[in-house]
Every structure is written in structure tokens, then in C-alpha cells.
Amino acid sequence: MEWSMIFELIDPRLLIVVAACWVIGAILKKTPKVPDWSIVYIVLGLAVLFTIGVIGWSVESVIQGILAGAFAVFGHQVVKQTKIGVDHE
């Protein structure tokens, strides 16, 4: 499954949640006492909470939150790995 397909599954109203999670993840990454392994879980939890705030409580909103959080983390990794790849050429 390609990430573009997953992106199509995310409710367009949640693009702000993806962006917010990306920023929060970047802030957490720079925070000394936050272990790297925990950032994914924090971002995922916040994405679910933000999604519930945007579209209300339902099983679908939990799933949408998980997708939004995963897409934010994946997007960050794509940018990071692309930069590493370009720097090594």
C-alpha cells in the first residue's frame, strides 16, 4: 500500500491535525528530556485527541486520528531521509 492511498483516506478537515502533529513532533525532538522512542506515541495520542476535537467522538475519528498521526510521522521521515540521501550524493 502506498502512502498516497492512505493520504486519500484522511478526512481533508484533518490536514491541520497532520500539520500540528508535525510541528509538535519537531518540538518534542528538540526537547532534551523526551526520549526519541516516545515521540511517535505522543504524536499519535495527540493526533487522536485533536481529531476527536475536530470531528467528534466515534470509532472513525480514532481511526482518522491514527492515520493523521502516522502520516505526520511518515512525512517527517520522508523529508529527513531525502535530505540525508541528497547530502550523500
N, C-alpha and C. Protein backbone atom coordinates (compact mmCIF):
# COMPACT_ATOMS: atom_id res chain seq x y z
N MET A 1 0.85 -1.18 0.00
CA MET A 1 0.00 0.00 0.00
C MET A 1 0.88 1.23 0.00
N GLU A 2 0.57 2.17 -0.85
CA GLU A 2 1.35 3.39 -0.93
C GLU A 2 0.76 4.45 0.00
N TRP A 3 1.63 5.34 0.46
CA TRP A 3 1.20 6.39 1.38
C TRP A 3 0.23 7.36 0.72
N SER A 4 0.29 7.51 -0.59
CA SER A 4 -0.67 8.40 -1.26
C SER A 4 -2.08 7.86 -1.10
N MET A 5 -2.22 6.55 -1.08
CA MET A 5 -3.53 5.94 -0.87
C MET A 5 -4.03 6.22 0.55
N ILE A 6 -3.13 6.14 1.53
CA ILE A 6 -3.52 6.41 2.91
C ILE A 6 -3.91 7.88 3.05
N PHE A 7 -3.14 8.77 2.39
CA PHE A 7 -3.45 10.19 2.44
C PHE A 7 -4.86 10.45 1.93
N GLU A 8 -5.28 9.72 0.92
CA GLU A 8 -6.64 9.88 0.39
C GLU A 8 -7.71 9.42 1.38
N LEU A 9 -7.34 8.57 2.33
CA LEU A 9 -8.29 8.10 3.33
C LEU A 9 -8.50 9.11 4.46
N ILE A 10 -7.58 10.07 4.60
CA ILE A 10 -7.67 11.05 5.68
C ILE A 10 -8.66 12.15 5.30
N ASP A 11 -9.58 12.41 6.20
CA ASP A 11 -10.56 13.48 6.01
C ASP A 11 -9.82 14.81 5.78
N PRO A 12 -10.15 15.54 4.72
CA PRO A 12 -9.45 16.80 4.42
C PRO A 12 -9.45 17.81 5.56
N ARG A 13 -10.46 17.75 6.43
CA ARG A 13 -10.51 18.65 7.59
C ARG A 13 -9.35 18.40 8.55
N LEU A 14 -8.71 17.24 8.43
CA LEU A 14 -7.67 16.85 9.37
C LEU A 14 -6.26 17.21 8.90
N LEU A 15 -6.15 17.88 7.77
CA LEU A 15 -4.81 18.30 7.33
C LEU A 15 -4.18 19.22 8.36
N ILE A 16 -4.99 20.01 9.06
CA ILE A 16 -4.46 20.86 10.13
C ILE A 16 -3.95 20.02 11.29
N VAL A 17 -4.57 18.88 11.53
CA VAL A 17 -4.09 17.98 12.59
C VAL A 17 -2.74 17.39 12.17
N VAL A 18 -2.62 17.00 10.91
CA VAL A 18 -1.33 16.48 10.41
C VAL A 18 -0.24 17.53 10.59
N ALA A 19 -0.54 18.77 10.19
CA ALA A 19 0.44 19.85 10.31
C ALA A 19 0.80 20.11 11.77
N ALA A 20 -0.20 20.16 12.64
CA ALA A 20 0.05 20.39 14.07
C ALA A 20 0.90 19.27 14.66
N CYS A 21 0.62 18.04 14.28
CA CYS A 21 1.40 16.91 14.79
C CYS A 21 2.85 16.97 14.31
N TRP A 22 3.04 17.42 13.09
CA TRP A 22 4.39 17.54 12.55
C TRP A 22 5.18 18.56 13.37
N VAL A 23 4.56 19.69 13.66
CA VAL A 23 5.22 20.74 14.46
C VAL A 23 5.48 20.25 15.88
N ILE A 24 4.50 19.61 16.49
CA ILE A 24 4.68 19.09 17.85
C ILE A 24 5.79 18.06 17.89
N GLY A 25 5.84 17.19 16.89
CA GLY A 25 6.91 16.19 16.82
C GLY A 25 8.28 16.85 16.72
N ALA A 26 8.38 17.91 15.93
CA ALA A 26 9.66 18.62 15.79
C ALA A 26 10.06 19.27 17.10
N ILE A 27 9.09 19.83 17.81
CA ILE A 27 9.38 20.45 19.11
C ILE A 27 9.82 19.39 20.10
N LEU A 28 9.12 18.27 20.14
CA LEU A 28 9.48 17.18 21.06
C LEU A 28 10.88 16.65 20.75
N LYS A 29 11.23 16.59 19.47
CA LYS A 29 12.55 16.09 19.07
C LYS A 29 13.66 16.97 19.65
N LYS A 30 13.39 18.26 19.79
CA LYS A 30 14.39 19.20 20.32
C LYS A 30 14.35 19.29 21.85
N THR A 31 13.39 18.62 22.48
CA THR A 31 13.25 18.67 23.93
C THR A 31 14.16 17.61 24.56
N PRO A 32 15.14 18.05 25.37
CA PRO A 32 16.15 17.12 25.88
C PRO A 32 15.63 15.93 26.69
N LYS A 33 14.61 16.11 27.50
CA LYS A 33 14.18 15.02 28.39
C LYS A 33 13.13 14.10 27.77
N VAL A 34 12.83 14.30 26.48
CA VAL A 34 11.85 13.44 25.81
C VAL A 34 12.61 12.43 24.97
N PRO A 35 12.54 11.14 25.34
CA PRO A 35 13.25 10.12 24.56
C PRO A 35 12.67 10.00 23.15
N ASP A 36 13.55 9.80 22.17
CA ASP A 36 13.12 9.70 20.77
C ASP A 36 12.04 8.64 20.57
N TRP A 37 12.17 7.50 21.26
CA TRP A 37 11.22 6.42 21.04
C TRP A 37 9.80 6.81 21.44
N SER A 38 9.67 7.77 22.35
CA SER A 38 8.33 8.13 22.83
C SER A 38 7.61 9.14 21.94
N ILE A 39 8.34 9.80 21.06
CA ILE A 39 7.74 10.86 20.24
C ILE A 39 6.61 10.33 19.37
N VAL A 40 6.81 9.19 18.76
CA VAL A 40 5.77 8.60 17.90
C VAL A 40 4.48 8.37 18.69
N TYR A 41 4.60 7.86 19.90
CA TYR A 41 3.42 7.57 20.71
C TYR A 41 2.72 8.85 21.17
N ILE A 42 3.50 9.85 21.52
CA ILE A 42 2.93 11.14 21.93
C ILE A 42 2.19 11.77 20.76
N VAL A 43 2.83 11.81 19.60
CA VAL A 43 2.21 12.40 18.41
C VAL A 43 0.94 11.64 18.04
N LEU A 44 1.00 10.33 18.09
CA LEU A 44 -0.18 9.52 17.77
C LEU A 44 -1.33 9.80 18.73
N GLY A 45 -1.04 9.84 20.01
CA GLY A 45 -2.08 10.13 21.01
C GLY A 45 -2.69 11.51 20.82
N LEU A 46 -1.84 12.51 20.57
CA LEU A 46 -2.34 13.86 20.34
C LEU A 46 -3.17 13.93 19.06
N ALA A 47 -2.73 13.22 18.03
CA ALA A 47 -3.49 13.22 16.77
C ALA A 47 -4.90 12.67 16.99
N VAL A 48 -5.02 11.62 17.77
CA VAL A 48 -6.34 11.06 18.06
C VAL A 48 -7.18 12.07 18.84
N LEU A 49 -6.58 12.69 19.86
CA LEU A 49 -7.32 13.69 20.64
C LEU A 49 -7.74 14.89 19.79
N PHE A 50 -6.83 15.40 18.97
CA PHE A 50 -7.15 16.53 18.10
C PHE A 50 -8.26 16.16 17.11
N THR A 51 -8.19 14.96 16.59
CA THR A 51 -9.19 14.51 15.62
C THR A 51 -10.56 14.41 16.27
N ILE A 52 -10.61 13.88 17.46
CA ILE A 52 -11.87 13.82 18.19
C ILE A 52 -12.40 15.23 18.42
N GLY A 53 -11.50 16.18 18.71
CA GLY A 53 -11.91 17.57 18.87
C GLY A 53 -12.45 18.19 17.60
N VAL A 54 -11.91 17.78 16.47
CA VAL A 54 -12.33 18.36 15.19
C VAL A 54 -13.62 17.74 14.67
N ILE A 55 -13.69 16.40 14.68
CA ILE A 55 -14.86 15.75 14.06
C ILE A 55 -15.76 15.02 15.04
N GLY A 56 -15.45 15.09 16.33
CA GLY A 56 -16.30 14.44 17.33
C GLY A 56 -15.89 13.00 17.60
N TRP A 57 -16.44 12.47 18.68
CA TRP A 57 -16.09 11.12 19.10
C TRP A 57 -16.81 10.07 18.25
N SER A 58 -16.02 9.15 17.72
CA SER A 58 -16.54 7.97 17.04
C SER A 58 -15.35 7.04 16.80
N VAL A 59 -15.66 5.82 16.45
CA VAL A 59 -14.59 4.89 16.11
C VAL A 59 -13.85 5.41 14.88
N GLU A 60 -14.59 5.99 13.95
CA GLU A 60 -13.96 6.55 12.76
C GLU A 60 -12.97 7.66 13.10
N SER A 61 -13.31 8.50 14.09
CA SER A 61 -12.40 9.58 14.45
C SER A 61 -11.12 9.04 15.06
N VAL A 62 -11.20 7.94 15.79
CA VAL A 62 -9.99 7.32 16.33
C VAL A 62 -9.12 6.80 15.18
N ILE A 63 -9.74 6.14 14.22
CA ILE A 63 -9.01 5.64 13.06
C ILE A 63 -8.41 6.80 12.26
N GLN A 64 -9.20 7.85 12.05
CA GLN A 64 -8.70 9.02 11.33
C GLN A 64 -7.53 9.66 12.09
N GLY A 65 -7.61 9.70 13.41
CA GLY A 65 -6.52 10.25 14.22
C GLY A 65 -5.25 9.43 14.07
N ILE A 66 -5.39 8.13 14.07
CA ILE A 66 -4.22 7.25 13.88
C ILE A 66 -3.61 7.50 12.51
N LEU A 67 -4.45 7.60 11.48
CA LEU A 67 -3.94 7.86 10.14
C LEU A 67 -3.25 9.23 10.05
N ALA A 68 -3.85 10.25 10.66
CA ALA A 68 -3.26 11.59 10.63
C ALA A 68 -1.91 11.60 11.35
N GLY A 69 -1.84 10.96 12.52
CA GLY A 69 -0.58 10.89 13.26
C GLY A 69 0.48 10.12 12.50
N ALA A 70 0.09 9.01 11.90
CA ALA A 70 1.04 8.20 11.13
C ALA A 70 1.53 8.97 9.92
N PHE A 71 0.64 9.71 9.28
CA PHE A 71 1.04 10.47 8.11
C PHE A 71 2.00 11.59 8.49
N ALA A 72 1.79 12.21 9.65
CA ALA A 72 2.70 13.27 10.12
C ALA A 72 4.09 12.70 10.38
N VAL A 73 4.16 11.57 11.06
CA VAL A 73 5.45 10.93 11.36
C VAL A 73 6.12 10.48 10.07
N PHE A 74 5.36 9.86 9.18
CA PHE A 74 5.90 9.41 7.90
C PHE A 74 6.42 10.58 7.08
N GLY A 75 5.64 11.65 7.03
CA GLY A 75 6.06 12.83 6.26
C GLY A 75 7.37 13.40 6.77
N HIS A 76 7.51 13.46 8.07
CA HIS A 76 8.76 13.94 8.65
C HIS A 76 9.93 13.05 8.26
N GLN A 77 9.73 11.76 8.32
CA GLN A 77 10.79 10.82 7.97
C GLN A 77 11.17 10.89 6.50
N VAL A 78 10.18 11.11 5.63
CA VAL A 78 10.47 11.25 4.20
C VAL A 78 11.39 12.46 3.97
N VAL A 79 11.04 13.58 4.58
CA VAL A 79 11.86 14.78 4.43
C VAL A 79 13.26 14.54 4.98
N LYS A 80 13.33 13.95 6.16
CA LYS A 80 14.62 13.70 6.82
C LYS A 80 15.49 12.75 5.98
N GLN A 81 14.93 11.66 5.53
CA GLN A 81 15.70 10.68 4.77
C GLN A 81 16.09 11.21 3.39
N THR A 82 15.22 12.02 2.79
CA THR A 82 15.54 12.61 1.50
C THR A 82 16.72 13.56 1.64
N LYS A 83 16.72 14.35 2.70
CA LYS A 83 17.83 15.27 2.94
C LYS A 83 19.14 14.50 3.14
N ILE A 84 19.08 13.42 3.90
CA ILE A 84 20.28 12.58 4.10
C ILE A 84 20.75 12.02 2.76
N GLY A 85 19.82 11.53 1.94
CA GLY A 85 20.18 10.98 0.64
C GLY A 85 20.81 12.01 -0.28
N VAL A 86 20.25 13.21 -0.29
CA VAL A 86 20.79 14.28 -1.14
C VAL A 86 22.17 14.70 -0.65
N ASP A 87 22.37 14.77 0.65
CA ASP A 87 23.66 15.18 1.22
C ASP A 87 24.76 14.17 0.92
N HIS A 88 24.41 12.91 0.71
CA HIS A 88 25.41 11.85 0.47
C HIS A 88 25.74 11.69 -1.00
N GLU A 89 25.07 12.41 -1.88
CA GLU A 89 25.36 12.29 -3.31
C GLU A 89 26.47 13.20 -3.73
